[in-house]
Each structure stands twice: as C-alpha cells, then as structure tokens.
Amino acid sequence: MGNAKHLMMVSFDAVDNQDLEALLSMPNFGALRKRAALARDVDSVFVSNTYPVHSSIITGVYPNRHGLIDNVKTQPGRQKPDWNVYARDVHARTLYQKAAEAGLSVCSLMYPVTTGADIRWNLPEVPGPMSLLQRAGKMLGGGSAMFVLSGVLRNAHYFKHATLSCLDDATTAMAADVLREKKPDLLLLHLIDVDDCKHRFGPRSPEAKAALARLDARLGKLLGAQAESFAPEDSAVIVFSDHGCLDVHDVLEPNAVLKEFGLIREPAKEPRDFDAFFHCAGGSAFVKVYDPVKLPRVRAAVDALLKMPAVRRELTEEEMRVSGFAREFAFGVEAADGFSFGEAHKGQHGYGLRREGYHPFYMAAGGKIRENTTVYGGCVVDICPLAAGLMGLPLWEMEGKNRLFSQDSGEISAQADVGSNAS
C-alpha cells in the first residue's frame, strides 16, 4: 500500500502502558490492534506534561527546540498562571503547517497549543479559570469562528453537564461530522476525559477505568465515521498517549522553603517580592533566580529540599537542557513516589521519565503499516515523522524517526532501542 490520502490522529491524554491490557480487551481498541502496529514502552518527553508533549508530537523535536516547556507560564504571585495556548509559542515547524503547505486540508479539535493557528477547521483548547463567555470568546477568536459556532450549536445536547466527559463526547461527535462532511486530509483530536478522572480520583480508580471504557466507545464512533468516508486503502489512523499518571498522597509547595530562606517576602504579589521562585510542574519543580546575588542562598534552599522525604532527587543537567528549563532556571527537583509539587491531585504527571508504569504508547494502522506487529522503545517525537510518512509529506528537520516503516521499502522497523531523551 502507498501513502494514505487521509490521516486521523487521536490523542489519549494520560493513558499509559498500564492501561493497555484493559484497552486491548475492549471491542474497538482490540479490533484496531489486529490491523495495527503497536509501539510500547515509549518515552515521553521531559517535562512530561500535556502541552510540551503534544508540541513535541506535532513537531518531532524536544521542548528545548520547540520552546513550549510546560502547560502554564511562570508568573510569580499568580495563584492560577496563564496557560500556554497560542500556536505562535511553538517555535518549530508543525505537522499541520507542513500539511497545509502541501495543499492538504486540516481539522483540529482541542489539540493543545493551536489557538491562533492557521488551520482550516480549528476548535482550539482553551483551559484555565474563566467565565463561559470568556472561554467562548477565546475559542471563537483563536479558532475558526463559524466552524466552532456551528459545531457547538449542532452538538449542544452533549453539554447537559459541565464535565470533561461531556466535552469529549461533543468533540468526538464533531470529529465524526467532519469526517463525513468535510473529509479532511488530516484530523487532530485531543480527548481528555481519562486525564481528568486520573487527576481527580487517582490513576487506578474505578472512575479512571470507567473513563477508559468511554474512550473505547468514542474510538469506535471515530473509526466508524472514518470507514464511511474513506476507502481502507486511502486512510490511516494513529492513536497515541502523551504521558503516564502516578498516584499522589501528598503535595509539597517548594516556595514555602524559599520563604523560610528569606527569598520570598510577603505579601508575595509583586515582582519585587521575589528573589527566586519555584515553577511547579506536578512531578517536578524548577527554581528561577531573580536576584543573582542570592544564588548561594537559593542553592542552600534546594539542598534543604533534597533532604525532605517528598523530594526524590535533583534533576540532571541533561534534563534541564532537553526540557528547555535550563535557559532561565537554575535548578530542578523531582518529587518522590506519592508526592507532587503545586496543586493537589490524586494523580499527577510531570515526573522524570524512568518511573515504573509511566510510559506512553502509540498505535498506527493503514498505509505502509504492517498489521498486528509490535515494537518497543523510542519516544513520542517519533510520531511526527511517522505521520508525515503516512501522508507522503517530505520530511523536514526532526529529532524523531519513523520506527514503523521505511519511507523507501515499507518494511516494518525491527528496532527496539529506547529513545535518546533524557531520564
């Protein structure tokens, strides 16, 4: 088989290797598996949070290259920092840009960091605390206004309850409509129900398991719509996850330690109140030094943190570099098992990559993909060159590589090595 004329990419947020056996026993994921290649034990990128990972997946490069280093901005004194939602903040070429340059049509539904992107049919994800009116304004202004408005009105019955499960139902229905009516060359869809349940109830909770079953049902609707709209030889699909999720029983606020060392002064609302500040990223935290004279005291505060049971270790220079944090932050630390930094959740991500049960996966079918095969290792940056290969797009500069087939021969890759990302 040659290149696909249509590619559907579906993101399973916070679904990891530990969820695979459950998913494989479900009807739609199990059926897709029989005609797909599965990549297991895949590395995420560091920091292993949704927005930097999705930016790496869509560009094929690590965060230090594309510049989107965490979900939210570093804003000392702000209880709820702004999210990094704007496409202009991704400083690398994206799959959807390259597809558009090749004259292909693109639809994106809730794909992270696409606000303001030049995408024909775009419903951007706009998280964070705000009123319904403010959110609607940002989605209309940062997306394809008429497409967003018509899609939301058409599927308004899904919004009976203000839950992320209802939101996933609505965006799945919108995606199915798009597949049948607009037939885009590339469809991007981000599903967040599982991630929400894992945060609120824990990664192995009954609520998270129920969310996996809902995810399989949504996948069935999407595959059904794709089959109605495209011939099998003309279509391909990639389903992928971005990071794992670990149990949390306690939360540490590292900025409290900086206060003890006199590096943050109350009321801690203005820039002058901060000689240093910890940016909390869930499973990791990074300290930015605003007064270089105080660097030795900051070092002492970090050393004090490292003696606490909640802190596992200091991050390596390579982790600081590849995450992109080294450009502005002096030190980083990783939380110990059962702990996280910042907001309280029962499940969290943002940890270093070498944690048991913390690896994502991806699975692809169609085009040159050989059916019912398995490879191990690699990294999520390998998804972008795979997608480009399935669509027949000329490859551009990426750090990932297509591990599932050769552009020339179409042969399945036998490589089982682990990707080169830091751990």
Protein backbone atom coordinates (compact mmCIF):
# COMPACT_ATOMS: atom_id res chain seq x y z
CA MET A 1 0.00 0.00 0.00
CA GLY A 2 1.12 3.53 -0.66
CA ASN A 3 0.56 6.73 1.24
CA ALA A 4 -2.82 7.42 2.83
CA LYS A 5 -4.95 10.24 1.49
CA HIS A 6 -6.36 10.84 4.96
CA LEU A 7 -4.82 10.54 8.43
CA MET A 8 -6.74 10.67 11.70
CA MET A 9 -4.65 11.29 14.84
CA VAL A 10 -6.37 10.78 18.20
CA SER A 11 -4.69 11.72 21.48
CA PHE A 12 -5.50 9.61 24.55
CA ASP A 13 -4.38 12.02 27.27
CA ALA A 14 -2.73 10.35 30.32
CA VAL A 15 -3.31 6.79 29.05
CA ASP A 16 -0.19 4.70 29.67
CA ASN A 17 1.25 1.21 29.33
CA GLN A 18 -0.61 0.08 32.46
CA ASP A 19 -3.91 0.80 30.70
CA LEU A 20 -3.02 -1.17 27.56
CA GLU A 21 -4.24 -4.58 28.71
CA ALA A 22 -7.62 -3.14 29.65
CA LEU A 23 -7.88 -1.30 26.33
CA LEU A 24 -6.84 -4.35 24.32
CA SER A 25 -9.75 -6.29 25.85
CA MET A 26 -12.24 -3.65 24.70
CA PRO A 27 -14.03 -4.05 21.35
CA ASN A 28 -12.87 -1.04 19.36
CA PHE A 29 -9.29 -0.72 20.57
CA GLY A 30 -8.89 -4.50 20.31
CA ALA A 31 -10.21 -4.55 16.74
CA LEU A 32 -7.88 -1.71 15.72
CA ARG A 33 -4.95 -3.57 17.29
CA LYS A 34 -5.41 -6.52 14.90
CA ARG A 35 -4.69 -4.32 11.88
CA ALA A 36 -2.16 -2.02 13.52
CA ALA A 37 1.43 -1.77 14.68
CA LEU A 38 1.81 -1.04 18.39
CA ALA A 39 4.78 0.82 19.91
CA ARG A 40 5.09 0.02 23.62
CA ASP A 41 7.36 1.24 26.44
CA VAL A 42 7.78 4.56 24.66
CA ASP A 43 9.45 7.53 26.35
CA SER A 44 7.52 10.73 26.78
CA VAL A 45 9.48 13.99 26.70
CA PHE A 46 10.56 15.89 29.78
CA VAL A 47 8.71 17.78 31.23
CA SER A 48 6.08 15.05 30.83
CA ASN A 49 3.05 17.35 30.84
CA THR A 50 0.34 17.62 28.20
CA TYR A 51 1.31 20.81 26.36
CA PRO A 52 5.07 20.29 25.92
CA VAL A 53 4.47 16.65 24.98
CA HIS A 54 1.79 17.43 22.40
CA SER A 55 4.05 20.15 20.98
CA SER A 56 6.82 17.56 20.61
CA ILE A 57 4.42 15.09 19.00
CA ILE A 58 3.29 17.62 16.39
CA THR A 59 6.82 18.90 15.63
CA GLY A 60 9.05 15.83 16.11
CA VAL A 61 11.50 17.75 18.32
CA TYR A 62 12.16 18.07 22.05
CA PRO A 63 10.94 21.02 24.16
CA ASN A 64 14.30 22.79 24.13
CA ARG A 65 13.87 23.02 20.34
CA HIS A 66 10.20 23.99 20.07
CA GLY A 67 10.25 26.23 23.16
CA LEU A 68 6.97 25.15 24.83
CA ILE A 69 8.33 23.91 28.16
CA ASP A 70 5.23 23.49 30.34
CA ASN A 71 1.45 23.79 30.37
CA VAL A 72 1.46 27.15 32.11
CA LYS A 73 3.60 30.26 32.23
CA THR A 74 5.91 31.20 35.12
CA GLN A 75 4.08 34.05 36.88
CA PRO A 76 5.19 34.59 40.48
CA GLY A 77 2.35 35.86 42.66
CA ARG A 78 -0.37 34.40 40.43
CA GLN A 79 -2.36 31.61 42.08
CA LYS A 80 -3.60 30.42 38.66
CA PRO A 81 -0.97 31.12 35.96
CA ASP A 82 -1.98 31.60 32.32
CA TRP A 83 -1.85 28.56 30.06
CA ASN A 84 0.42 28.39 27.01
CA VAL A 85 -2.32 28.16 24.40
CA TYR A 86 -1.01 30.16 21.44
CA ALA A 87 0.39 28.44 18.36
CA ARG A 88 2.93 31.25 17.97
CA ASP A 89 4.66 29.96 21.13
CA VAL A 90 5.71 26.76 19.33
CA HIS A 91 8.99 27.68 17.62
CA ALA A 92 9.30 24.71 15.27
CA ARG A 93 7.52 23.60 12.14
CA THR A 94 4.40 21.57 12.85
CA LEU A 95 2.76 18.70 11.02
CA TYR A 96 -0.36 20.76 10.38
CA GLN A 97 1.72 23.60 8.88
CA LYS A 98 3.58 21.23 6.57
CA ALA A 99 0.31 19.59 5.53
CA ALA A 100 -1.24 22.97 4.69
CA GLU A 101 1.88 23.97 2.71
CA ALA A 102 1.38 20.80 0.64
CA GLY A 103 -2.18 21.88 -0.16
CA LEU A 104 -3.83 19.46 2.27
CA SER A 105 -6.83 20.31 4.45
CA VAL A 106 -6.55 20.13 8.24
CA CYS A 107 -9.09 19.93 11.06
CA SER A 108 -8.04 20.24 14.70
CA LEU A 109 -10.36 19.68 17.66
CA MET A 110 -9.00 20.58 21.09
CA TYR A 111 -5.39 19.88 20.08
CA PRO A 112 -3.19 21.74 22.59
CA VAL A 113 -1.42 25.00 21.67
CA THR A 114 -3.40 25.69 18.49
CA THR A 115 -5.06 28.98 19.46
CA GLY A 116 -4.47 31.32 16.53
CA ALA A 117 -3.08 28.53 14.33
CA ASP A 118 -3.59 28.71 10.58
CA ILE A 119 -5.84 25.62 10.46
CA ARG A 120 -8.85 25.48 8.16
CA TRP A 121 -11.25 23.99 10.72
CA ASN A 122 -9.94 24.73 14.19
CA LEU A 123 -11.56 24.35 17.61
CA PRO A 124 -8.68 25.25 19.98
CA GLU A 125 -8.39 24.04 23.55
CA VAL A 126 -8.68 26.98 25.96
CA PRO A 127 -8.19 25.77 29.58
CA GLY A 128 -7.88 27.72 32.79
CA PRO A 129 -10.30 29.52 35.12
CA MET A 130 -12.61 31.92 33.24
CA SER A 131 -16.27 32.52 32.62
CA LEU A 132 -18.16 30.62 29.93
CA LEU A 133 -18.44 33.84 27.93
CA GLN A 134 -14.68 34.46 28.14
CA ARG A 135 -13.91 30.89 27.05
CA ALA A 136 -16.32 31.13 24.14
CA GLY A 137 -14.74 34.40 23.04
CA LYS A 138 -11.23 32.93 23.12
CA MET A 139 -12.29 29.81 21.20
CA LEU A 140 -14.09 31.84 18.54
CA GLY A 141 -11.32 34.43 18.29
CA GLY A 142 -8.48 31.89 18.30
CA GLY A 143 -10.17 29.29 16.11
CA SER A 144 -12.35 29.06 13.03
CA ALA A 145 -15.31 31.09 14.27
CA MET A 146 -18.10 29.77 12.05
CA PHE A 147 -16.86 26.19 12.33
CA VAL A 148 -16.69 26.44 16.13
CA LEU A 149 -20.09 28.10 16.44
CA SER A 150 -21.90 25.69 14.12
CA GLY A 151 -20.25 22.64 15.70
CA VAL A 152 -21.09 23.69 19.25
CA LEU A 153 -24.71 24.55 18.37
CA ARG A 154 -25.16 21.29 16.48
CA ASN A 155 -23.90 19.29 19.43
CA ALA A 156 -25.29 21.42 22.24
CA HIS A 157 -27.17 18.42 23.68
CA TYR A 158 -23.84 16.95 24.80
CA PHE A 159 -23.30 19.86 27.18
CA LYS A 160 -26.07 18.88 29.62
CA HIS A 161 -23.40 18.69 32.30
CA ALA A 162 -20.25 20.81 32.57
CA THR A 163 -17.87 17.84 32.62
CA LEU A 164 -14.87 16.94 30.51
CA SER A 165 -16.55 13.63 29.69
CA CYS A 166 -19.41 15.55 28.03
CA LEU A 167 -16.85 17.74 26.27
CA ASP A 168 -15.12 14.63 24.85
CA ASP A 169 -18.50 13.31 23.68
CA ALA A 170 -19.15 16.60 21.90
CA THR A 171 -15.76 16.84 20.21
CA THR A 172 -15.98 13.18 19.15
CA ALA A 173 -19.35 13.90 17.55
CA MET A 174 -17.90 16.97 15.85
CA ALA A 175 -14.98 14.91 14.55
CA ALA A 176 -17.35 12.28 13.15
CA ASP A 177 -19.35 15.02 11.41
CA VAL A 178 -16.16 16.50 9.95
CA LEU A 179 -15.01 13.12 8.66
CA ARG A 180 -18.31 12.50 6.89
CA GLU A 181 -18.95 16.01 5.57
CA LYS A 182 -15.60 17.76 5.07
CA LYS A 183 -13.27 14.77 4.63
CA PRO A 184 -10.08 16.49 5.83
CA ASP A 185 -6.68 15.16 4.83
CA LEU A 186 -5.52 15.45 8.46
CA LEU A 187 -7.73 15.29 11.56
CA LEU A 188 -6.31 16.00 15.03
CA LEU A 189 -8.41 15.23 18.13
CA HIS A 190 -7.43 15.51 21.79
CA LEU A 191 -9.53 13.50 24.31
CA ILE A 192 -9.12 14.47 27.97
CA ASP A 193 -11.71 12.52 29.99
CA VAL A 194 -9.21 9.91 31.26
CA ASP A 195 -6.68 12.55 32.30
CA ASP A 196 -9.36 14.43 34.25
CA CYS A 197 -10.52 11.29 36.08
CA LYS A 198 -6.98 10.24 36.93
CA HIS A 199 -6.22 13.67 38.39
CA ARG A 200 -9.39 13.80 40.47
CA PHE A 201 -9.80 10.18 41.58
CA GLY A 202 -6.42 8.51 41.04
CA PRO A 203 -4.90 6.64 38.08
CA ARG A 204 -6.20 3.17 39.07
CA SER A 205 -9.57 4.31 40.42
CA PRO A 206 -12.95 2.88 39.28
CA GLU A 207 -13.66 6.31 37.76
CA ALA A 208 -10.50 6.12 35.63
CA LYS A 209 -11.40 2.60 34.48
CA ALA A 210 -14.87 3.80 33.50
CA ALA A 211 -13.27 6.65 31.54
CA LEU A 212 -11.20 4.10 29.58
CA ALA A 213 -14.40 2.32 28.56
CA ARG A 214 -15.87 5.64 27.40
CA LEU A 215 -12.67 6.28 25.45
CA ASP A 216 -13.04 2.97 23.63
CA ALA A 217 -16.64 3.82 22.72
CA ARG A 218 -15.52 7.18 21.31
CA LEU A 219 -12.80 5.46 19.29
CA GLY A 220 -15.47 3.19 17.80
CA LYS A 221 -17.51 6.19 16.65
CA LEU A 222 -14.45 7.77 15.07
CA LEU A 223 -13.36 4.61 13.27
CA GLY A 224 -16.91 4.08 12.04
CA ALA A 225 -17.07 7.60 10.61
CA GLN A 226 -13.66 7.18 9.00
CA ALA A 227 -14.71 3.89 7.38
CA GLU A 228 -17.86 5.54 5.99
CA SER A 229 -15.88 8.41 4.49
CA PHE A 230 -12.67 6.86 3.12
CA ALA A 231 -11.71 3.63 1.42
CA PRO A 232 -9.40 1.48 3.59
CA GLU A 233 -6.50 1.92 1.17
CA ASP A 234 -6.90 5.71 1.34
CA SER A 235 -6.90 6.21 5.11
CA ALA A 236 -4.70 5.73 8.16
CA VAL A 237 -5.03 6.27 11.88
CA ILE A 238 -2.63 6.94 14.73
CA VAL A 239 -3.83 6.75 18.33
CA PHE A 240 -1.29 7.87 20.90
CA SER A 241 -0.85 8.85 24.52
CA ASP A 242 1.32 11.62 25.87
CA HIS A 243 2.42 10.65 29.39
CA GLY A 244 1.59 8.41 32.31
CA CYS A 245 -0.02 9.33 35.62
CA LEU A 246 1.15 8.36 39.10
CA ASP A 247 -0.64 8.11 42.44
CA VAL A 248 -0.26 11.08 44.79
CA HIS A 249 -1.00 11.10 48.51
CA ASP A 250 0.66 14.38 49.49
CA VAL A 251 1.72 17.69 47.95
CA LEU A 252 4.73 19.88 48.72
CA GLU A 253 4.89 23.61 48.00
CA PRO A 254 8.64 24.28 47.43
CA ASN A 255 8.13 28.04 47.51
CA ALA A 256 7.43 27.67 51.22
CA VAL A 257 11.09 26.67 51.62
CA LEU A 258 12.20 29.75 49.66
CA LYS A 259 10.16 31.85 52.10
CA GLU A 260 11.94 30.19 55.04
CA PHE A 261 15.25 31.23 53.47
CA GLY A 262 14.05 34.82 53.07
CA LEU A 263 13.92 34.63 49.28
CA ILE A 264 10.19 35.40 49.02
CA ARG A 265 8.67 38.21 51.05
CA GLU A 266 5.01 38.64 51.95
CA PRO A 267 2.55 39.53 50.52
CA ALA A 268 4.40 37.91 47.57
CA LYS A 269 2.29 39.52 44.86
CA GLU A 270 4.68 41.92 43.12
CA PRO A 271 7.93 41.11 41.24
CA ARG A 272 9.96 42.92 43.90
CA ASP A 273 8.74 40.35 46.46
CA PHE A 274 10.64 37.50 44.75
CA ASP A 275 14.39 36.94 44.80
CA ALA A 276 13.64 33.43 43.50
CA PHE A 277 10.59 31.40 42.58
CA PHE A 278 9.77 27.72 42.04
CA HIS A 279 7.76 26.90 38.93
CA CYS A 280 5.79 23.79 39.91
CA ALA A 281 5.14 21.28 37.11
CA GLY A 282 3.46 18.47 39.03
CA GLY A 283 6.12 15.79 39.39
CA SER A 284 8.96 18.29 39.07
CA ALA A 285 9.74 21.87 40.05
CA PHE A 286 12.24 24.43 38.75
CA VAL A 287 13.68 27.44 40.53
CA LYS A 288 14.24 30.74 38.76
CA VAL A 289 16.63 33.22 40.38
CA TYR A 290 15.65 36.88 40.02
CA ASP A 291 18.43 38.30 42.19
CA PRO A 292 21.76 36.68 41.13
CA VAL A 293 23.39 37.87 44.36
CA LYS A 294 21.12 35.46 46.23
CA LEU A 295 22.17 32.38 44.20
CA PRO A 296 24.15 30.80 47.10
CA ARG A 297 21.08 31.12 49.34
CA VAL A 298 18.92 29.56 46.62
CA ARG A 299 21.40 26.69 46.41
CA ALA A 300 21.09 26.22 50.16
CA ALA A 301 17.30 26.16 49.89
CA VAL A 302 17.48 23.49 47.18
CA ASP A 303 19.84 21.44 49.37
CA ALA A 304 17.31 21.69 52.20
CA LEU A 305 14.56 20.47 49.85
CA LEU A 306 16.67 17.48 48.80
CA LYS A 307 16.72 16.28 52.42
CA MET A 308 12.92 16.12 52.56
CA PRO A 309 11.06 12.81 52.06
CA ALA A 310 8.86 14.44 49.39
CA VAL A 311 11.86 15.10 47.10
CA ARG A 312 13.43 12.25 45.17
CA ARG A 313 16.45 13.92 43.59
CA GLU A 314 17.89 16.92 41.80
CA LEU A 315 17.39 16.95 38.06
CA THR A 316 20.41 16.37 35.84
CA GLU A 317 21.99 18.97 33.58
CA GLU A 318 20.73 16.98 30.58
CA GLU A 319 17.16 17.01 31.87
CA MET A 320 17.39 20.74 32.44
CA ARG A 321 18.72 21.19 28.91
CA VAL A 322 16.35 18.94 26.97
CA SER A 323 13.31 20.28 28.85
CA GLY A 324 14.22 23.84 27.88
CA PHE A 325 14.20 24.98 31.51
CA ALA A 326 17.98 25.47 31.60
CA ARG A 327 17.62 28.71 29.63
CA GLU A 328 16.06 30.59 32.53
CA PHE A 329 16.07 28.29 35.57
CA ALA A 330 18.99 27.45 37.83
CA PHE A 331 17.97 24.12 39.39
CA GLY A 332 15.23 21.50 39.23
CA VAL A 333 13.99 18.76 41.53
CA GLU A 334 11.77 15.68 41.08
CA ALA A 335 9.12 14.57 43.57
CA ALA A 336 9.39 11.25 45.39
CA ASP A 337 6.87 8.42 44.95
CA GLY A 338 3.45 9.50 46.16
CA PHE A 339 4.31 13.20 46.14
CA SER A 340 3.93 16.11 43.74
CA PHE A 341 4.55 19.85 43.71
CA GLY A 342 1.96 22.61 43.46
CA GLU A 343 -1.74 21.83 43.05
CA ALA A 344 -3.28 18.95 44.98
CA HIS A 345 -4.37 15.96 42.86
CA LYS A 346 -4.80 12.24 43.49
CA GLY A 347 -2.95 11.52 40.24
CA GLN A 348 -0.19 13.58 38.61
CA HIS A 349 2.38 13.69 35.82
CA GLY A 350 5.40 15.88 35.09
CA TYR A 351 7.87 13.37 36.58
CA GLY A 352 11.17 12.18 35.17
CA LEU A 353 10.87 9.51 32.52
CA ARG A 354 12.32 6.49 34.32
CA ARG A 355 9.33 5.74 36.55
CA GLU A 356 7.69 2.32 36.57
CA GLY A 357 4.40 2.21 34.67
CA TYR A 358 4.85 5.75 33.40
CA HIS A 359 5.41 5.16 29.68
CA PRO A 360 3.00 6.17 26.92
CA PHE A 361 2.39 4.22 23.69
CA TYR A 362 1.20 4.77 20.14
CA MET A 363 -0.53 2.58 17.59
CA ALA A 364 -0.90 3.07 13.84
CA ALA A 365 -2.85 1.35 11.05
CA GLY A 366 -3.14 1.89 7.30
CA GLY A 367 -0.72 2.95 4.59
CA LYS A 368 2.59 1.10 4.84
CA ILE A 369 1.94 -0.19 8.37
CA ARG A 370 2.26 -3.94 8.71
CA GLU A 371 -0.66 -5.46 10.65
CA ASN A 372 -0.53 -6.89 14.17
CA THR A 373 3.12 -6.05 14.88
CA THR A 374 4.81 -4.71 18.00
CA VAL A 375 7.92 -2.62 18.53
CA TYR A 376 9.41 -1.41 21.80
CA GLY A 377 11.10 1.79 22.88
CA GLY A 378 11.61 5.05 21.08
CA CYS A 379 10.00 8.34 22.02
CA VAL A 380 6.84 10.29 21.27
CA VAL A 381 8.90 12.55 18.96
CA ASP A 382 8.82 9.55 16.59
CA ILE A 383 5.09 10.08 15.97
CA CYS A 384 5.53 13.16 13.77
CA PRO A 385 7.84 11.54 11.18
CA LEU A 386 5.53 8.50 11.20
CA ALA A 387 2.54 10.75 10.45
CA ALA A 388 4.43 12.61 7.74
CA GLY A 389 5.40 9.28 6.16
CA LEU A 390 1.81 8.05 6.16
CA MET A 391 0.67 11.28 4.47
CA GLY A 392 3.50 11.27 1.95
CA LEU A 393 4.89 14.59 3.17
CA PRO A 394 8.58 15.29 2.58
CA LEU A 395 10.42 15.03 5.90
CA TRP A 396 11.82 18.17 7.49
CA GLU A 397 14.30 18.60 10.33
CA MET A 398 13.12 16.45 13.23
CA GLU A 399 14.78 14.64 16.14
CA GLY A 400 12.36 11.72 15.99
CA LYS A 401 12.40 8.96 13.39
CA ASN A 402 9.75 6.73 11.86
CA ARG A 403 10.20 3.39 13.62
CA LEU A 404 7.28 1.58 11.99
CA PHE A 405 8.23 1.57 8.32
CA SER A 406 10.92 2.72 5.93
CA GLN A 407 9.96 5.53 3.56
CA ASP A 408 11.68 3.61 0.76
CA SER A 409 10.93 -0.06 1.38
CA GLY A 410 7.83 -0.02 3.51
CA GLU A 411 9.40 -2.64 5.76
CA ILE A 412 8.48 -2.69 9.42
CA SER A 413 11.25 -1.50 11.73
CA ALA A 414 12.78 -4.17 13.98
CA GLN A 415 14.39 -1.62 16.28
CA ALA A 416 13.61 -1.99 19.96
CA ASP A 417 16.01 0.55 21.39
CA VAL A 418 14.96 3.30 23.78
CA GLY A 419 14.87 6.90 22.53
CA SER A 420 17.60 9.36 23.26
CA ASN A 421 15.58 11.65 25.53
CA ALA A 422 16.95 12.39 28.99
CA SER A 423 15.69 10.50 32.02
